Structure formats: C-alpha cells, structure tokens
Amino acid sequence: MPHMSRAAQLVERSPFFQAAGPAAMADILRPSFTQLLPRGATLFEQNDEPDFLHMLLEGSVGLQASVEDAGRTMVEIFGAGEVFLAPAVVLRLPYLASAVALTEIRVLMIPADVFRDGVARSHDLCRATTQLLSRHWRLMVDQVVDLKLRSAEDRVARFVARRISEESGAGDAALPESRIAIAARLGMTPETLSRALTGLEKKGRLRRGGAGATVADRKALAR
C-alpha cells in the first residue's frame, strides 16, 4: 500500500476496520480526520457531550475518572487500534471519564452523528460495534476481577503480558506510559508497581530494560 497515507494504513489495521470491512467504513471515514497530539493533551473531559468517536492510531491514551473530594484515578489505558467510549456516542450521553494522551498520539476523529447514522444503516458497521462493545465489557469484568481477587504481582504480570501478541508468545513489551499512570490503572502505588516488576524479574518471568520489558514466555507470565 505505498500510495496510501500512514493514517489510512493504520486505520485499515485496526480491529474495528477489520470487523466492519472497507465498504461499511467508507462512509464514516469520508468526513473524518486525524489529529497529532502531544503527551498530556486532553481529547475530552469527563461529563462532556460526545462530538466524535475516537480511534487511536498511534500512541497511548488513558481514561481518567474523578469524584469530587475523592481524587482521580486511571480507569483504563488504550493502545493503537482501539476505539474508545463508543457507548457515550451511541447513547448520546456525557462521558464518564476524561481521555488524556499518555504519549504523543495520532487519533482518528469520527463525527458522532455520522457514526450513529452509519450504525443505523449498515449491518456490518452494527456488527463491528457490537463486537467492540462486547470486548470492552469483557475487559471491564476482567479488570474488576483483577482488582478484587489478584495480587499486585499478578496484576502487573497480566498487564505486561497483554503488551505481547499471543501469536508471537514472546518478545518486548513496550511500556511508554509513566509509572504513575500504569500504577493507577492497576490500583496500586508506583512503589508497589516497582516491587512487583522486581519480583517478576527475580523469578525470571521478564527482564526490564529501557521503556519496557522483555518476556521469554507470554503464557507463563500471564499465569
């Protein structure tokens, strides 16, 4: 695809595009546009009304929620290829979290009304959206189980393992986000995160280096 722009290639690689197919995606991509944003940029604030559906093409985005007089926490971290907070767009309801760039990001902005119209008209787009919402529901349940039942070390191990493809089974897990952001997502302090990584390294499950970790056996780490 040498004639295609980088953004177009990244969109085509996304799970949502693969599920919907090029014909269904064509109408919603036509009025859409991409943005390059620096680390720390805010895409939208908690309680904002959604104007766009966001597809992350490069980088990492954190969803942060806050409660008055109770502070702020990291709800989830999304990587390249993810479409996030579709329920707010579909239901025309305010966002329940803010979205902040944890790294420099490239994001596709799909107008909310265009997306809703597309879902209403296209069976393929509706199916892709159903799959997206189902995956995110499973992600939410898995996160609740993590926080309620798994140890800090187990949570860190599973988080790192998810950064490596199942097909490869081993390799380098990139961790470009700040330790503060990752720790908040995992429901622990940065100090506890560091201790957990040290414990996993001592057990030979991973080897830290640079902005990530090298994993020899993804399945063993995930267990």
C-alpha atoms as a PDB file:
ATOM      1  CA  MET A   1       0.000   0.000   0.000  1.00  0.00           C
ATOM      2  CA  PRO A   2       2.764   2.519  -0.848  1.00  0.00           C
ATOM      3  CA  HIS A   3       0.255   5.003  -2.278  1.00  0.00           C
ATOM      4  CA  MET A   4      -1.776   5.155   0.942  1.00  0.00           C
ATOM      5  CA  SER A   5      -1.141   7.647   3.722  1.00  0.00           C
ATOM      6  CA  ARG A   6       0.234   6.353   7.003  1.00  0.00           C
ATOM      7  CA  ALA A   7      -3.041   7.215   8.751  1.00  0.00           C
ATOM      8  CA  ALA A   8      -5.053   5.224   6.197  1.00  0.00           C
ATOM      9  CA  GLN A   9      -2.795   2.199   6.675  1.00  0.00           C
ATOM     10  CA  LEU A  10      -3.165   2.410  10.451  1.00  0.00           C
ATOM     11  CA  VAL A  11      -6.952   2.658  10.179  1.00  0.00           C
ATOM     12  CA  GLU A  12      -7.081  -0.444   7.979  1.00  0.00           C
ATOM     13  CA  ARG A  13      -5.062  -2.412  10.550  1.00  0.00           C
ATOM     14  CA  SER A  14      -7.473  -1.623  13.385  1.00  0.00           C
ATOM     15  CA  PRO A  15      -9.709  -4.440  14.704  1.00  0.00           C
ATOM     16  CA  PHE A  16     -12.780  -2.248  14.181  1.00  0.00           C
ATOM     17  CA  PHE A  17     -11.999  -1.707  10.489  1.00  0.00           C
ATOM     18  CA  GLN A  18     -11.270  -5.398  10.019  1.00  0.00           C
ATOM     19  CA  ALA A  19     -14.614  -6.297  11.595  1.00  0.00           C
ATOM     20  CA  ALA A  20     -16.668  -3.745   9.647  1.00  0.00           C
ATOM     21  CA  GLY A  21     -14.934  -4.026   6.279  1.00  0.00           C
ATOM     22  CA  PRO A  22     -13.885  -1.287   3.827  1.00  0.00           C
ATOM     23  CA  ALA A  23     -17.329  -0.790   2.284  1.00  0.00           C
ATOM     24  CA  ALA A  24     -19.032  -0.099   5.617  1.00  0.00           C
ATOM     25  CA  MET A  25     -16.163   2.095   6.811  1.00  0.00           C
ATOM     26  CA  ALA A  26     -16.024   4.243   3.677  1.00  0.00           C
ATOM     27  CA  ASP A  27     -19.000   6.461   4.569  1.00  0.00           C
ATOM     28  CA  ILE A  28     -17.859   7.216   8.117  1.00  0.00           C
ATOM     29  CA  LEU A  29     -14.243   7.785   7.084  1.00  0.00           C
ATOM     30  CA  ARG A  30     -15.103  10.335   4.418  1.00  0.00           C
ATOM     31  CA  PRO A  31     -15.908  13.199   6.855  1.00  0.00           C
ATOM     32  CA  SER A  32     -13.398  12.027   9.486  1.00  0.00           C
ATOM     33  CA  PHE A  33      -9.922  13.467  10.079  1.00  0.00           C
ATOM     34  CA  THR A  34      -6.792  12.675  12.070  1.00  0.00           C
ATOM     35  CA  GLN A  35      -5.005  14.712  14.713  1.00  0.00           C
ATOM     36  CA  LEU A  36      -1.467  14.523  16.067  1.00  0.00           C
ATOM     37  CA  LEU A  37      -1.456  15.464  19.754  1.00  0.00           C
ATOM     38  CA  PRO A  38       1.382  15.747  22.283  1.00  0.00           C
ATOM     39  CA  ARG A  39       1.719  13.842  25.547  1.00  0.00           C
ATOM     40  CA  GLY A  40      -0.580  15.389  28.135  1.00  0.00           C
ATOM     41  CA  ALA A  41      -3.185  16.641  25.645  1.00  0.00           C
ATOM     42  CA  THR A  42      -6.835  16.167  26.643  1.00  0.00           C
ATOM     43  CA  LEU A  43      -9.159  14.761  23.988  1.00  0.00           C
ATOM     44  CA  PHE A  44     -12.284  15.300  26.071  1.00  0.00           C
ATOM     45  CA  GLU A  45     -13.273  15.884  29.676  1.00  0.00           C
ATOM     46  CA  GLN A  46     -15.475  13.837  31.966  1.00  0.00           C
ATOM     47  CA  ASN A  47     -19.125  14.976  31.593  1.00  0.00           C
ATOM     48  CA  ASP A  48     -18.529  16.458  28.116  1.00  0.00           C
ATOM     49  CA  GLU A  49     -21.107  15.646  25.450  1.00  0.00           C
ATOM     50  CA  PRO A  50     -19.511  13.477  22.724  1.00  0.00           C
ATOM     51  CA  ASP A  51     -18.933  15.171  19.365  1.00  0.00           C
ATOM     52  CA  PHE A  52     -16.664  12.441  17.972  1.00  0.00           C
ATOM     53  CA  LEU A  53     -15.903   8.764  18.182  1.00  0.00           C
ATOM     54  CA  HIS A  54     -12.156   8.322  18.666  1.00  0.00           C
ATOM     55  CA  MET A  55      -9.969   5.644  17.084  1.00  0.00           C
ATOM     56  CA  LEU A  56      -6.425   5.653  18.396  1.00  0.00           C
ATOM     57  CA  LEU A  57      -3.955   5.038  15.573  1.00  0.00           C
ATOM     58  CA  GLU A  58      -0.649   5.521  17.390  1.00  0.00           C
ATOM     59  CA  GLY A  59       0.369   6.041  20.995  1.00  0.00           C
ATOM     60  CA  SER A  60      -1.416   5.511  24.275  1.00  0.00           C
ATOM     61  CA  VAL A  61      -4.488   7.153  25.829  1.00  0.00           C
ATOM     62  CA  GLY A  62      -5.600   6.971  29.450  1.00  0.00           C
ATOM     63  CA  LEU A  63      -9.193   7.243  30.627  1.00  0.00           C
ATOM     64  CA  GLN A  64      -9.264   9.143  33.924  1.00  0.00           C
ATOM     65  CA  ALA A  65     -12.280   9.492  36.191  1.00  0.00           C
ATOM     66  CA  SER A  66     -12.647  11.746  39.196  1.00  0.00           C
ATOM     67  CA  VAL A  67     -15.106  12.092  42.077  1.00  0.00           C
ATOM     68  CA  GLU A  68     -15.462  15.351  43.972  1.00  0.00           C
ATOM     69  CA  ASP A  69     -13.429  15.308  47.197  1.00  0.00           C
ATOM     70  CA  ALA A  70     -12.221  11.754  46.422  1.00  0.00           C
ATOM     71  CA  GLY A  71      -9.487  12.352  43.844  1.00  0.00           C
ATOM     72  CA  ARG A  72      -8.800  10.985  40.373  1.00  0.00           C
ATOM     73  CA  THR A  73      -7.887   7.535  39.081  1.00  0.00           C
ATOM     74  CA  MET A  74      -6.881   5.834  35.839  1.00  0.00           C
ATOM     75  CA  VAL A  75      -9.779   3.676  34.652  1.00  0.00           C
ATOM     76  CA  GLU A  76      -8.169   2.171  31.566  1.00  0.00           C
ATOM     77  CA  ILE A  77      -5.271   2.561  29.153  1.00  0.00           C
ATOM     78  CA  PHE A  78      -5.895   2.103  25.433  1.00  0.00           C
ATOM     79  CA  GLY A  79      -3.289   1.461  22.768  1.00  0.00           C
ATOM     80  CA  ALA A  80      -3.124   1.761  18.991  1.00  0.00           C
ATOM     81  CA  GLY A  81      -6.080   0.345  17.087  1.00  0.00           C
ATOM     82  CA  GLU A  82      -8.594   0.844  19.870  1.00  0.00           C
ATOM     83  CA  VAL A  83     -11.891   2.703  19.566  1.00  0.00           C
ATOM     84  CA  PHE A  84     -12.887   4.124  22.919  1.00  0.00           C
ATOM     85  CA  LEU A  85     -16.015   5.269  24.747  1.00  0.00           C
ATOM     86  CA  ALA A  86     -18.399   4.278  21.976  1.00  0.00           C
ATOM     87  CA  PRO A  87     -21.295   3.877  24.487  1.00  0.00           C
ATOM     88  CA  ALA A  88     -21.352   7.626  25.150  1.00  0.00           C
ATOM     89  CA  VAL A  89     -21.542   8.286  21.410  1.00  0.00           C
ATOM     90  CA  VAL A  90     -24.224   5.663  20.737  1.00  0.00           C
ATOM     91  CA  LEU A  91     -26.395   6.711  23.694  1.00  0.00           C
ATOM     92  CA  ARG A  92     -25.782  10.464  23.315  1.00  0.00           C
ATOM     93  CA  LEU A  93     -24.764  10.626  26.975  1.00  0.00           C
ATOM     94  CA  PRO A  94     -21.900  12.520  28.678  1.00  0.00           C
ATOM     95  CA  TYR A  95     -18.537  10.838  29.022  1.00  0.00           C
ATOM     96  CA  LEU A  96     -17.936   9.068  32.344  1.00  0.00           C
ATOM     97  CA  ALA A  97     -14.185   9.696  32.100  1.00  0.00           C
ATOM     98  CA  SER A  98     -11.669  12.095  30.580  1.00  0.00           C
ATOM     99  CA  ALA A  99      -9.256  10.981  27.843  1.00  0.00           C
ATOM    100  CA  VAL A 100      -5.634  12.117  28.162  1.00  0.00           C
ATOM    101  CA  ALA A 101      -2.698  11.375  25.854  1.00  0.00           C
ATOM    102  CA  LEU A 102      -0.131   9.367  27.845  1.00  0.00           C
ATOM    103  CA  THR A 103       2.296   9.557  24.906  1.00  0.00           C
ATOM    104  CA  GLU A 104       2.327  11.504  21.672  1.00  0.00           C
ATOM    105  CA  ILE A 105      -0.711  10.191  19.791  1.00  0.00           C
ATOM    106  CA  ARG A 106      -2.312  10.070  16.364  1.00  0.00           C
ATOM    107  CA  VAL A 107      -6.095   9.774  16.608  1.00  0.00           C
ATOM    108  CA  LEU A 108      -8.895   9.456  14.074  1.00  0.00           C
ATOM    109  CA  MET A 109     -11.869  11.733  14.802  1.00  0.00           C
ATOM    110  CA  ILE A 110     -15.158  10.284  13.516  1.00  0.00           C
ATOM    111  CA  PRO A 111     -18.117  12.710  13.815  1.00  0.00           C
ATOM    112  CA  ALA A 112     -20.590  11.278  16.315  1.00  0.00           C
ATOM    113  CA  ASP A 113     -23.698  11.844  14.197  1.00  0.00           C
ATOM    114  CA  VAL A 114     -22.027  10.248  11.167  1.00  0.00           C
ATOM    115  CA  PHE A 115     -21.122   7.196  13.235  1.00  0.00           C
ATOM    116  CA  ARG A 116     -24.639   6.828  14.665  1.00  0.00           C
ATOM    117  CA  ASP A 117     -26.190   7.124  11.209  1.00  0.00           C
ATOM    118  CA  GLY A 118     -23.752   4.540   9.889  1.00  0.00           C
ATOM    119  CA  VAL A 119     -24.575   2.062  12.640  1.00  0.00           C
ATOM    120  CA  ALA A 120     -28.305   2.533  11.959  1.00  0.00           C
ATOM    121  CA  ARG A 121     -27.899   1.894   8.221  1.00  0.00           C
ATOM    122  CA  SER A 122     -25.122  -0.688   7.967  1.00  0.00           C
ATOM    123  CA  HIS A 123     -25.394  -4.245   9.255  1.00  0.00           C
ATOM    124  CA  ASP A 124     -21.599  -4.648   9.000  1.00  0.00           C
ATOM    125  CA  LEU A 125     -20.928  -1.489  10.996  1.00  0.00           C
ATOM    126  CA  CYS A 126     -23.524  -2.514  13.579  1.00  0.00           C
ATOM    127  CA  ARG A 127     -21.867  -5.931  13.917  1.00  0.00           C
ATOM    128  CA  ALA A 128     -18.429  -4.356  14.356  1.00  0.00           C
ATOM    129  CA  THR A 129     -19.806  -2.026  17.024  1.00  0.00           C
ATOM    130  CA  THR A 130     -21.424  -4.949  18.857  1.00  0.00           C
ATOM    131  CA  GLN A 131     -18.102  -6.789  18.839  1.00  0.00           C
ATOM    132  CA  LEU A 132     -16.330  -3.659  20.110  1.00  0.00           C
ATOM    133  CA  LEU A 133     -18.769  -3.206  22.989  1.00  0.00           C
ATOM    134  CA  SER A 134     -18.577  -6.908  23.842  1.00  0.00           C
ATOM    135  CA  ARG A 135     -14.772  -6.810  24.008  1.00  0.00           C
ATOM    136  CA  HIS A 136     -14.860  -3.758  26.248  1.00  0.00           C
ATOM    137  CA  TRP A 137     -17.452  -5.369  28.518  1.00  0.00           C
ATOM    138  CA  ARG A 138     -15.165  -8.383  28.953  1.00  0.00           C
ATOM    139  CA  LEU A 139     -12.254  -6.015  29.584  1.00  0.00           C
ATOM    140  CA  MET A 140     -14.255  -4.280  32.321  1.00  0.00           C
ATOM    141  CA  VAL A 141     -15.192  -7.561  34.036  1.00  0.00           C
ATOM    142  CA  ASP A 142     -11.596  -8.772  33.826  1.00  0.00           C
ATOM    143  CA  GLN A 143     -10.404  -5.533  35.401  1.00  0.00           C
ATOM    144  CA  VAL A 144     -12.867  -5.896  38.297  1.00  0.00           C
ATOM    145  CA  VAL A 145     -11.664  -9.455  38.907  1.00  0.00           C
ATOM    146  CA  ASP A 146      -8.052  -8.218  38.807  1.00  0.00           C
ATOM    147  CA  LEU A 147      -8.675  -5.524  41.399  1.00  0.00           C
ATOM    148  CA  LYS A 148     -10.742  -7.704  43.717  1.00  0.00           C
ATOM    149  CA  LEU A 149      -9.018 -11.081  43.585  1.00  0.00           C
ATOM    150  CA  ARG A 150      -5.498 -10.909  42.151  1.00  0.00           C
ATOM    151  CA  SER A 151      -2.285  -9.890  43.891  1.00  0.00           C
ATOM    152  CA  ALA A 152      -0.333  -6.826  42.809  1.00  0.00           C
ATOM    153  CA  GLU A 153       2.315  -9.016  41.169  1.00  0.00           C
ATOM    154  CA  ASP A 154      -0.313 -10.990  39.240  1.00  0.00           C
ATOM    155  CA  ARG A 155      -1.945  -7.776  38.014  1.00  0.00           C
ATOM    156  CA  VAL A 156       1.373  -6.430  36.777  1.00  0.00           C
ATOM    157  CA  ALA A 157       2.239  -9.737  35.087  1.00  0.00           C
ATOM    158  CA  ARG A 158      -1.053  -9.845  33.204  1.00  0.00           C
ATOM    159  CA  PHE A 159      -0.749  -6.175  32.191  1.00  0.00           C
ATOM    160  CA  VAL A 160       2.722  -6.735  30.732  1.00  0.00           C
ATOM    161  CA  ALA A 161       1.668  -9.984  29.040  1.00  0.00           C
ATOM    162  CA  ARG A 162      -1.124  -8.178  27.195  1.00  0.00           C
ATOM    163  CA  ARG A 163       1.511  -5.995  25.528  1.00  0.00           C
ATOM    164  CA  ILE A 164       2.814  -9.063  23.657  1.00  0.00           C
ATOM    165  CA  SER A 165       0.847 -10.750  20.885  1.00  0.00           C
ATOM    166  CA  GLU A 166      -0.460 -14.240  21.533  1.00  0.00           C
ATOM    167  CA  GLU A 167       0.866 -15.330  18.157  1.00  0.00           C
ATOM    168  CA  SER A 168       4.486 -14.485  18.967  1.00  0.00           C
ATOM    169  CA  GLY A 169       4.314 -15.788  22.534  1.00  0.00           C
ATOM    170  CA  ALA A 170       7.417 -13.788  23.485  1.00  0.00           C
ATOM    171  CA  GLY A 171       9.185 -10.513  22.821  1.00  0.00           C
ATOM    172  CA  ASP A 172       9.476  -6.954  24.031  1.00  0.00           C
ATOM    173  CA  ALA A 173       6.547  -5.392  25.880  1.00  0.00           C
ATOM    174  CA  ALA A 174       6.527  -1.623  25.388  1.00  0.00           C
ATOM    175  CA  LEU A 175       5.590   0.394  28.477  1.00  0.00           C
ATOM    176  CA  PRO A 176       5.803   4.011  27.259  1.00  0.00           C
ATOM    177  CA  GLU A 177       3.338   5.357  29.814  1.00  0.00           C
ATOM    178  CA  SER A 178       4.517   6.834  33.097  1.00  0.00           C
ATOM    179  CA  ARG A 179       4.816   4.525  36.114  1.00  0.00           C
ATOM    180  CA  ILE A 180       2.244   6.718  37.848  1.00  0.00           C
ATOM    181  CA  ALA A 181      -0.314   6.104  35.066  1.00  0.00           C
ATOM    182  CA  ILE A 182       0.291   2.343  34.941  1.00  0.00           C
ATOM    183  CA  ALA A 183       0.158   2.020  38.725  1.00  0.00           C
ATOM    184  CA  ALA A 184      -3.113   3.943  38.900  1.00  0.00           C
ATOM    185  CA  ARG A 185      -4.630   1.701  36.203  1.00  0.00           C
ATOM    186  CA  LEU A 186      -3.613  -1.364  38.220  1.00  0.00           C
ATOM    187  CA  GLY A 187      -4.910   0.014  41.509  1.00  0.00           C
ATOM    188  CA  MET A 188      -1.574   0.364  43.286  1.00  0.00           C
ATOM    189  CA  THR A 189       1.131   2.875  44.108  1.00  0.00           C
ATOM    190  CA  PRO A 190       4.181   3.396  41.847  1.00  0.00           C
ATOM    191  CA  GLU A 191       6.304   1.875  44.628  1.00  0.00           C
ATOM    192  CA  THR A 192       4.195  -1.295  44.638  1.00  0.00           C
ATOM    193  CA  LEU A 193       4.456  -1.445  40.851  1.00  0.00           C
ATOM    194  CA  SER A 194       8.253  -1.269  41.045  1.00  0.00           C
ATOM    195  CA  ARG A 195       8.360  -4.018  43.693  1.00  0.00           C
ATOM    196  CA  ALA A 196       6.110  -6.242  41.574  1.00  0.00           C
ATOM    197  CA  LEU A 197       8.312  -5.776  38.492  1.00  0.00           C
ATOM    198  CA  THR A 198      11.385  -6.561  40.586  1.00  0.00           C
ATOM    199  CA  GLY A 199       9.698  -9.716  41.917  1.00  0.00           C
ATOM    200  CA  LEU A 200       8.792 -10.888  38.409  1.00  0.00           C
ATOM    201  CA  GLU A 201      12.329 -10.214  37.219  1.00  0.00           C
ATOM    202  CA  LYS A 202      13.820 -12.222  40.078  1.00  0.00           C
ATOM    203  CA  LYS A 203      11.561 -15.139  39.150  1.00  0.00           C
ATOM    204  CA  GLY A 204      12.794 -14.964  35.566  1.00  0.00           C
ATOM    205  CA  ARG A 205       9.383 -14.048  34.129  1.00  0.00           C
ATOM    206  CA  LEU A 206      10.656 -10.848  32.494  1.00  0.00           C
ATOM    207  CA  ARG A 207      13.741  -8.682  32.089  1.00  0.00           C
ATOM    208  CA  ARG A 208      13.397  -4.936  32.445  1.00  0.00           C
ATOM    209  CA  GLY A 209      15.158  -2.509  30.158  1.00  0.00           C
ATOM    210  CA  GLY A 210      14.551   0.910  28.656  1.00  0.00           C
ATOM    211  CA  ALA A 211      10.861   1.790  28.434  1.00  0.00           C
ATOM    212  CA  GLY A 212       9.579  -1.761  28.701  1.00  0.00           C
ATOM    213  CA  ALA A 213      10.359  -5.386  29.453  1.00  0.00           C
ATOM    214  CA  THR A 214      11.487  -8.472  27.559  1.00  0.00           C
ATOM    215  CA  VAL A 215       9.370 -11.581  28.060  1.00  0.00           C
ATOM    216  CA  ALA A 216      10.560 -15.053  27.098  1.00  0.00           C
ATOM    217  CA  ASP A 217       7.233 -16.838  27.702  1.00  0.00           C
ATOM    218  CA  ARG A 218       3.994 -14.842  27.500  1.00  0.00           C
ATOM    219  CA  LYS A 219       1.803 -17.699  28.754  1.00  0.00           C
ATOM    220  CA  ALA A 220       3.999 -18.312  31.792  1.00  0.00           C
ATOM    221  CA  LEU A 221       3.934 -14.616  32.642  1.00  0.00           C
ATOM    222  CA  ALA A 222       0.154 -14.381  32.233  1.00  0.00           C
ATOM    223  CA  ARG A 223      -0.331 -17.343  34.567  1.00  0.00           C
END
